[in-house]
Amino acid sequence: MSSLPSARLLSSAKPKKESPAAPARGASPDNGAEAGKAGLGMRLKRIRTDGKLTLQQVSARTQVARSTLSKIENGQLSPTYDILQKIARGMGIDIAELFGAAKTDTPPARRSITKSRMGKKLATNEYLYEALATDLKHKQIFPLRTKIMARTFEEFGGWVRHDGEEFIFVLSGTVKVFTEFYTEELLEPGDSIYFDSRMGHACVSVGEETAEILWICTQISLDA
């Protein structure tokens, strides 16, 4: 699931139905999103400076605009998954490192246990991500437990597209899923969807409860 200088890839296409007006919500995620942006920015800058790279060099490697990278590093921009994916691939790191996971060697036989609510968290305007199994690097899939903060397609900001495939399983609340070539669908707890991530997509919460999902994305190959 799932991008803004906007770190988001936008399409002129709009969903076929108008999204309903956003209902009243409880506490605002703004503070969490600001903290998430600042933490991500510091991690990205540390990885870049440890590699003795300039912003322009990182931009050339990742195909992310220098101005966008600068805004991320300074906590002025919260990138969505496609931008995180480009940064990880271009810099030759595991995407989990952008969530704060330590860099470790990969053993030949491995497993990972993440205790409830103990994953690495990253808040953006659209999502509150909790990355799972971050101690394992170079995974074939990237699992996240995610709260969907956006309430309308417009608030979400438009279509997101990136390499790979995705699986979403609704844990709580109601989710409206927009996909570029299909009509939007409402998913309730226990419902799921699998789709090609290269197709424009967006997810929003519907109703008073902020929806929570198990979101699994295929990992990128650094050798591709």
C-alpha atoms as a PDB file:
ATOM      1  CA  MET A   1       0.000   0.000   0.000  1.00  0.00           C
ATOM      2  CA  SER A   2       0.467   1.863   0.163  1.00  0.00           C
ATOM      3  CA  SER A   3       3.743   9.323  -3.661  1.00  0.00           C
ATOM      4  CA  LEU A   4       5.620  14.558  -2.742  1.00  0.00           C
ATOM      5  CA  PRO A   5       8.108  18.363  -4.888  1.00  0.00           C
ATOM      6  CA  SER A   6       5.530  16.480  -4.018  1.00  0.00           C
ATOM      7  CA  ALA A   7       6.978  13.136  -3.205  1.00  0.00           C
ATOM      8  CA  ARG A   8       3.904  11.574  -4.777  1.00  0.00           C
ATOM      9  CA  LEU A   9       3.393  10.482  -8.388  1.00  0.00           C
ATOM     10  CA  LEU A  10       0.112  12.036  -9.451  1.00  0.00           C
ATOM     11  CA  SER A  11      -2.218  11.204 -12.298  1.00  0.00           C
ATOM     12  CA  SER A  12      -4.834  13.473 -13.834  1.00  0.00           C
ATOM     13  CA  ALA A  13      -7.299  10.594 -13.538  1.00  0.00           C
ATOM     14  CA  LYS A  14      -9.824  10.910 -10.710  1.00  0.00           C
ATOM     15  CA  PRO A  15     -11.895   8.216  -9.047  1.00  0.00           C
ATOM     16  CA  LYS A  16     -15.316   7.661 -10.552  1.00  0.00           C
ATOM     17  CA  LYS A  17     -17.245   8.717  -7.465  1.00  0.00           C
ATOM     18  CA  GLU A  18     -16.833  11.727  -5.245  1.00  0.00           C
ATOM     19  CA  SER A  19     -15.501  10.904  -1.826  1.00  0.00           C
ATOM     20  CA  PRO A  20     -17.819  11.766   1.079  1.00  0.00           C
ATOM     21  CA  ALA A  21     -17.020  14.673   3.340  1.00  0.00           C
ATOM     22  CA  ALA A  22     -14.549  13.724   6.038  1.00  0.00           C
ATOM     23  CA  PRO A  23     -16.246  12.940   9.348  1.00  0.00           C
ATOM     24  CA  ALA A  24     -15.081  14.387  12.616  1.00  0.00           C
ATOM     25  CA  ARG A  25     -12.044  12.682  14.029  1.00  0.00           C
ATOM     26  CA  GLY A  26     -10.390  12.405  17.374  1.00  0.00           C
ATOM     27  CA  ALA A  27      -6.845  13.474  18.098  1.00  0.00           C
ATOM     28  CA  SER A  28      -4.946  14.934  15.154  1.00  0.00           C
ATOM     29  CA  PRO A  29      -1.978  12.917  13.810  1.00  0.00           C
ATOM     30  CA  ASP A  30      -0.082  16.130  13.009  1.00  0.00           C
ATOM     31  CA  ASN A  31       2.321  15.870  15.966  1.00  0.00           C
ATOM     32  CA  GLY A  32       3.138  12.253  15.183  1.00  0.00           C
ATOM     33  CA  ALA A  33       3.612  13.042  11.510  1.00  0.00           C
ATOM     34  CA  GLU A  34       5.989  15.899  12.326  1.00  0.00           C
ATOM     35  CA  ALA A  35       8.060  13.659  14.618  1.00  0.00           C
ATOM     36  CA  GLY A  36       8.078  10.949  11.960  1.00  0.00           C
ATOM     37  CA  LYS A  37       9.312  13.334   9.289  1.00  0.00           C
ATOM     38  CA  ALA A  38      12.092  14.648  11.538  1.00  0.00           C
ATOM     39  CA  GLY A  39      13.285  11.147  12.495  1.00  0.00           C
ATOM     40  CA  LEU A  40      13.265   9.943   8.908  1.00  0.00           C
ATOM     41  CA  GLY A  41      15.132  13.063   7.784  1.00  0.00           C
ATOM     42  CA  MET A  42      17.890  12.532  10.337  1.00  0.00           C
ATOM     43  CA  ARG A  43      18.271   8.883   9.335  1.00  0.00           C
ATOM     44  CA  LEU A  44      18.440   9.721   5.641  1.00  0.00           C
ATOM     45  CA  LYS A  45      21.016  12.455   6.226  1.00  0.00           C
ATOM     46  CA  ARG A  46      23.135  10.119   8.394  1.00  0.00           C
ATOM     47  CA  ILE A  47      23.084   7.391   5.731  1.00  0.00           C
ATOM     48  CA  ARG A  48      23.996   9.943   3.057  1.00  0.00           C
ATOM     49  CA  THR A  49      26.832  11.559   5.022  1.00  0.00           C
ATOM     50  CA  ASP A  50      28.187   8.169   6.163  1.00  0.00           C
ATOM     51  CA  GLY A  51      28.468   7.337   2.468  1.00  0.00           C
ATOM     52  CA  LYS A  52      30.144  10.715   1.778  1.00  0.00           C
ATOM     53  CA  LEU A  53      27.454  11.558  -0.760  1.00  0.00           C
ATOM     54  CA  THR A  54      26.067  14.949  -1.718  1.00  0.00           C
ATOM     55  CA  LEU A  55      22.356  15.556  -2.198  1.00  0.00           C
ATOM     56  CA  GLN A  56      22.989  15.831  -5.931  1.00  0.00           C
ATOM     57  CA  GLN A  57      24.724  12.438  -6.009  1.00  0.00           C
ATOM     58  CA  VAL A  58      21.868  10.825  -4.080  1.00  0.00           C
ATOM     59  CA  SER A  59      19.385  12.448  -6.447  1.00  0.00           C
ATOM     60  CA  ALA A  60      21.204  10.961  -9.444  1.00  0.00           C
ATOM     61  CA  ARG A  61      21.224   7.507  -7.849  1.00  0.00           C
ATOM     62  CA  THR A  62      17.607   7.511  -6.681  1.00  0.00           C
ATOM     63  CA  GLN A  63      15.879   9.581  -9.385  1.00  0.00           C
ATOM     64  CA  VAL A  64      14.355  11.672  -6.597  1.00  0.00           C
ATOM     65  CA  ALA A  65      14.665  15.441  -7.026  1.00  0.00           C
ATOM     66  CA  ARG A  66      17.425  17.119  -4.985  1.00  0.00           C
ATOM     67  CA  SER A  67      14.888  19.590  -3.590  1.00  0.00           C
ATOM     68  CA  THR A  68      12.658  16.715  -2.450  1.00  0.00           C
ATOM     69  CA  LEU A  69      15.574  14.978  -0.713  1.00  0.00           C
ATOM     70  CA  SER A  70      16.520  18.228   1.010  1.00  0.00           C
ATOM     71  CA  LYS A  71      12.973  18.716   2.279  1.00  0.00           C
ATOM     72  CA  ILE A  72      12.860  15.136   3.596  1.00  0.00           C
ATOM     73  CA  GLU A  73      16.177  15.581   5.413  1.00  0.00           C
ATOM     74  CA  ASN A  74      14.936  18.824   6.975  1.00  0.00           C
ATOM     75  CA  GLY A  75      11.633  17.323   8.115  1.00  0.00           C
ATOM     76  CA  GLN A  76       9.595  19.422   5.707  1.00  0.00           C
ATOM     77  CA  LEU A  77       8.202  16.541   3.644  1.00  0.00           C
ATOM     78  CA  SER A  78       6.783  13.096   4.448  1.00  0.00           C
ATOM     79  CA  PRO A  79       7.530  10.731   1.541  1.00  0.00           C
ATOM     80  CA  THR A  80       5.182   7.947   0.609  1.00  0.00           C
ATOM     81  CA  TYR A  81       6.182   4.348  -0.062  1.00  0.00           C
ATOM     82  CA  ASP A  82       7.229   4.792  -3.687  1.00  0.00           C
ATOM     83  CA  ILE A  83       9.751   7.480  -2.736  1.00  0.00           C
ATOM     84  CA  LEU A  84      11.090   5.401   0.171  1.00  0.00           C
ATOM     85  CA  GLN A  85      11.453   2.529  -2.284  1.00  0.00           C
ATOM     86  CA  LYS A  86      13.426   4.669  -4.760  1.00  0.00           C
ATOM     87  CA  ILE A  87      15.721   5.977  -2.015  1.00  0.00           C
ATOM     88  CA  ALA A  88      16.425   2.481  -0.659  1.00  0.00           C
ATOM     89  CA  ARG A  89      17.092   1.055  -4.092  1.00  0.00           C
ATOM     90  CA  GLY A  90      19.252   3.941  -5.267  1.00  0.00           C
ATOM     91  CA  MET A  91      21.365   4.005  -2.099  1.00  0.00           C
ATOM     92  CA  GLY A  92      21.713   0.216  -1.926  1.00  0.00           C
ATOM     93  CA  ILE A  93      20.142  -0.129   1.532  1.00  0.00           C
ATOM     94  CA  ASP A  94      17.274  -2.124   2.970  1.00  0.00           C
ATOM     95  CA  ILE A  95      14.108  -0.053   3.189  1.00  0.00           C
ATOM     96  CA  ALA A  96      13.801  -1.044   6.874  1.00  0.00           C
ATOM     97  CA  GLU A  97      16.849   1.159   7.612  1.00  0.00           C
ATOM     98  CA  LEU A  98      14.755   4.208   6.718  1.00  0.00           C
ATOM     99  CA  PHE A  99      12.349   3.141   9.484  1.00  0.00           C
ATOM    100  CA  GLY A 100      15.210   3.101  12.008  1.00  0.00           C
ATOM    101  CA  ALA A 101      16.262  -0.551  11.910  1.00  0.00           C
ATOM    102  CA  ALA A 102      19.931  -1.229  12.586  1.00  0.00           C
ATOM    103  CA  LYS A 103      22.098  -2.543   9.770  1.00  0.00           C
ATOM    104  CA  THR A 104      22.985  -6.194  10.434  1.00  0.00           C
ATOM    105  CA  ASP A 105      24.458  -9.159   8.601  1.00  0.00           C
ATOM    106  CA  THR A 106      22.020 -11.685   7.125  1.00  0.00           C
ATOM    107  CA  PRO A 107      22.295 -15.212   8.620  1.00  0.00           C
ATOM    108  CA  PRO A 108      21.624 -18.247   6.368  1.00  0.00           C
ATOM    109  CA  ALA A 109      18.574 -19.417   8.368  1.00  0.00           C
ATOM    110  CA  ARG A 110      16.473 -16.775  10.032  1.00  0.00           C
ATOM    111  CA  ARG A 111      13.231 -15.807  11.654  1.00  0.00           C
ATOM    112  CA  SER A 112      11.813 -12.682  13.235  1.00  0.00           C
ATOM    113  CA  ILE A 113       9.277 -12.057  15.998  1.00  0.00           C
ATOM    114  CA  THR A 114       7.747  -8.630  16.491  1.00  0.00           C
ATOM    115  CA  LYS A 115       5.836  -8.226  19.736  1.00  0.00           C
ATOM    116  CA  SER A 116       2.529  -6.334  19.624  1.00  0.00           C
ATOM    117  CA  ARG A 117       3.035  -2.609  18.931  1.00  0.00           C
ATOM    118  CA  MET A 118       6.830  -2.986  19.042  1.00  0.00           C
ATOM    119  CA  GLY A 119       7.549  -2.466  15.333  1.00  0.00           C
ATOM    120  CA  LYS A 120       9.486   0.509  13.968  1.00  0.00           C
ATOM    121  CA  LYS A 121       7.052   3.409  13.522  1.00  0.00           C
ATOM    122  CA  LEU A 122       6.938   6.184  10.952  1.00  0.00           C
ATOM    123  CA  ALA A 123       4.118   8.732  10.798  1.00  0.00           C
ATOM    124  CA  THR A 124       3.183  10.562   7.600  1.00  0.00           C
ATOM    125  CA  ASN A 125       0.179  12.663   6.689  1.00  0.00           C
ATOM    126  CA  GLU A 126      -1.543   9.675   5.058  1.00  0.00           C
ATOM    127  CA  TYR A 127      -0.410   6.742   7.179  1.00  0.00           C
ATOM    128  CA  LEU A 128       0.960   5.740  10.563  1.00  0.00           C
ATOM    129  CA  TYR A 129       3.304   2.916   9.577  1.00  0.00           C
ATOM    130  CA  GLU A 130       4.566   0.204  11.914  1.00  0.00           C
ATOM    131  CA  ALA A 131       7.187  -1.810  10.080  1.00  0.00           C
ATOM    132  CA  LEU A 132       7.434  -5.451  11.200  1.00  0.00           C
ATOM    133  CA  ALA A 133      10.381  -7.879  11.164  1.00  0.00           C
ATOM    134  CA  THR A 134      12.806  -5.001  10.639  1.00  0.00           C
ATOM    135  CA  ASP A 135      15.690  -7.013  12.115  1.00  0.00           C
ATOM    136  CA  LEU A 136      15.703  -9.117   8.926  1.00  0.00           C
ATOM    137  CA  LYS A 137      17.309  -7.469   5.924  1.00  0.00           C
ATOM    138  CA  HIS A 138      16.792  -8.164   2.223  1.00  0.00           C
ATOM    139  CA  LYS A 139      13.390  -9.773   2.771  1.00  0.00           C
ATOM    140  CA  GLN A 140      11.277 -10.838  -0.189  1.00  0.00           C
ATOM    141  CA  ILE A 141       8.261  -9.077   1.366  1.00  0.00           C
ATOM    142  CA  PHE A 142       7.935  -5.989   3.556  1.00  0.00           C
ATOM    143  CA  PRO A 143       5.152  -6.304   6.172  1.00  0.00           C
ATOM    144  CA  LEU A 144       3.583  -3.323   7.913  1.00  0.00           C
ATOM    145  CA  ARG A 145       0.782  -2.731  10.359  1.00  0.00           C
ATOM    146  CA  THR A 146      -0.689   0.574   9.273  1.00  0.00           C
ATOM    147  CA  LYS A 147      -3.294   3.088  10.383  1.00  0.00           C
ATOM    148  CA  ILE A 148      -4.850   5.011   7.491  1.00  0.00           C
ATOM    149  CA  MET A 149      -5.101   8.680   8.446  1.00  0.00           C
ATOM    150  CA  ALA A 150      -6.456  10.096   5.158  1.00  0.00           C
ATOM    151  CA  ARG A 151     -10.254  10.308   4.838  1.00  0.00           C
ATOM    152  CA  THR A 152     -10.752  11.330   1.200  1.00  0.00           C
ATOM    153  CA  PHE A 153      -8.985  10.746  -2.104  1.00  0.00           C
ATOM    154  CA  GLU A 154      -8.179  14.466  -2.205  1.00  0.00           C
ATOM    155  CA  GLU A 155      -6.702  14.390   1.304  1.00  0.00           C
ATOM    156  CA  PHE A 156      -4.641  11.356   0.351  1.00  0.00           C
ATOM    157  CA  GLY A 157      -3.175  13.435  -2.476  1.00  0.00           C
ATOM    158  CA  GLY A 158      -3.680  11.392  -5.640  1.00  0.00           C
ATOM    159  CA  TRP A 159      -2.529   8.132  -7.159  1.00  0.00           C
ATOM    160  CA  VAL A 160       0.545   6.279  -5.888  1.00  0.00           C
ATOM    161  CA  ARG A 161       2.497   3.942  -8.173  1.00  0.00           C
ATOM    162  CA  HIS A 162       5.640   1.898  -7.544  1.00  0.00           C
ATOM    163  CA  ASP A 163       7.204  -1.429  -8.444  1.00  0.00           C
ATOM    164  CA  GLY A 164       5.940  -4.658  -6.930  1.00  0.00           C
ATOM    165  CA  GLU A 165       2.672  -6.120  -5.666  1.00  0.00           C
ATOM    166  CA  GLU A 166       0.663  -5.535  -2.483  1.00  0.00           C
ATOM    167  CA  PHE A 167      -1.699  -7.366  -0.154  1.00  0.00           C
ATOM    168  CA  ILE A 168      -3.973  -5.562   2.315  1.00  0.00           C
ATOM    169  CA  PHE A 169      -5.960  -7.243   5.093  1.00  0.00           C
ATOM    170  CA  VAL A 170      -8.320  -5.042   7.123  1.00  0.00           C
ATOM    171  CA  LEU A 171      -7.864  -5.445  10.885  1.00  0.00           C
ATOM    172  CA  SER A 172     -10.355  -2.802  12.049  1.00  0.00           C
ATOM    173  CA  GLY A 173     -12.461   0.028  10.680  1.00  0.00           C
ATOM    174  CA  THR A 174     -13.621   0.463   7.099  1.00  0.00           C
ATOM    175  CA  VAL A 175     -11.268   1.132   4.180  1.00  0.00           C
ATOM    176  CA  LYS A 176     -12.118   2.545   0.772  1.00  0.00           C
ATOM    177  CA  VAL A 177      -9.599   1.351  -1.804  1.00  0.00           C
ATOM    178  CA  PHE A 178      -9.177   3.265  -5.062  1.00  0.00           C
ATOM    179  CA  THR A 179      -7.470   1.481  -7.953  1.00  0.00           C
ATOM    180  CA  GLU A 180      -6.853   3.190 -11.268  1.00  0.00           C
ATOM    181  CA  PHE A 181      -8.671   0.762 -13.572  1.00  0.00           C
ATOM    182  CA  TYR A 182     -11.448  -0.428 -11.254  1.00  0.00           C
ATOM    183  CA  THR A 183     -14.274   1.132  -9.294  1.00  0.00           C
ATOM    184  CA  GLU A 184     -13.505   1.863  -5.652  1.00  0.00           C
ATOM    185  CA  GLU A 185     -14.298  -0.817  -3.080  1.00  0.00           C
ATOM    186  CA  LEU A 186     -15.238  -0.717   0.608  1.00  0.00           C
ATOM    187  CA  LEU A 187     -13.400  -3.275   2.741  1.00  0.00           C
ATOM    188  CA  GLU A 188     -14.518  -4.275   6.241  1.00  0.00           C
ATOM    189  CA  PRO A 189     -12.585  -6.175   8.950  1.00  0.00           C
ATOM    190  CA  GLY A 190     -11.596  -9.577   7.569  1.00  0.00           C
ATOM    191  CA  ASP A 191     -11.708  -8.396   3.934  1.00  0.00           C
ATOM    192  CA  SER A 192      -8.562  -8.278   1.807  1.00  0.00           C
ATOM    193  CA  ILE A 193      -7.260  -7.126  -1.570  1.00  0.00           C
ATOM    194  CA  TYR A 194      -4.215  -8.033  -3.691  1.00  0.00           C
ATOM    195  CA  PHE A 195      -3.097  -5.797  -6.560  1.00  0.00           C
ATOM    196  CA  ASP A 196      -0.278  -4.735  -8.856  1.00  0.00           C
ATOM    197  CA  SER A 197       1.494  -1.743  -7.282  1.00  0.00           C
ATOM    198  CA  ARG A 198       2.286  -0.246 -10.692  1.00  0.00           C
ATOM    199  CA  MET A 199      -1.421   0.553 -11.026  1.00  0.00           C
ATOM    200  CA  GLY A 200      -2.394   3.845  -9.420  1.00  0.00           C
ATOM    201  CA  HIS A 201      -3.842   3.204  -5.972  1.00  0.00           C
ATOM    202  CA  ALA A 202      -4.917   4.976  -2.792  1.00  0.00           C
ATOM    203  CA  CYS A 203      -6.534   3.963   0.511  1.00  0.00           C
ATOM    204  CA  VAL A 204      -8.637   6.062   2.897  1.00  0.00           C
ATOM    205  CA  SER A 205     -10.492   5.445   6.145  1.00  0.00           C
ATOM    206  CA  VAL A 206     -14.282   5.661   6.044  1.00  0.00           C
ATOM    207  CA  GLY A 207     -16.406   6.348   9.125  1.00  0.00           C
ATOM    208  CA  GLU A 208     -15.488   7.582  12.579  1.00  0.00           C
ATOM    209  CA  GLU A 209     -12.879   4.887  13.312  1.00  0.00           C
ATOM    210  CA  THR A 210      -9.388   5.211  11.892  1.00  0.00           C
ATOM    211  CA  ALA A 211      -8.915   1.993   9.938  1.00  0.00           C
ATOM    212  CA  GLU A 212      -5.991  -0.317  10.635  1.00  0.00           C
ATOM    213  CA  ILE A 213      -4.619  -2.796   8.103  1.00  0.00           C
ATOM    214  CA  LEU A 214      -1.979  -5.458   7.691  1.00  0.00           C
ATOM    215  CA  TRP A 215      -0.151  -4.297   4.585  1.00  0.00           C
ATOM    216  CA  ILE A 216       2.377  -6.496   2.782  1.00  0.00           C
ATOM    217  CA  CYS A 217       4.466  -5.228  -0.125  1.00  0.00           C
ATOM    218  CA  THR A 218       6.884  -7.246  -2.204  1.00  0.00           C
ATOM    219  CA  GLN A 219      10.428  -6.107  -1.548  1.00  0.00           C
ATOM    220  CA  ILE A 220      12.534  -4.521  -4.232  1.00  0.00           C
ATOM    221  CA  SER A 221      15.545  -6.302  -5.650  1.00  0.00           C
ATOM    222  CA  LEU A 222      18.763  -4.321  -5.345  1.00  0.00           C
ATOM    223  CA  ASP A 223      20.142  -6.351  -8.236  1.00  0.00           C
ATOM    224  CA  ALA A 224      17.364  -5.422 -10.686  1.00  0.00           C
END
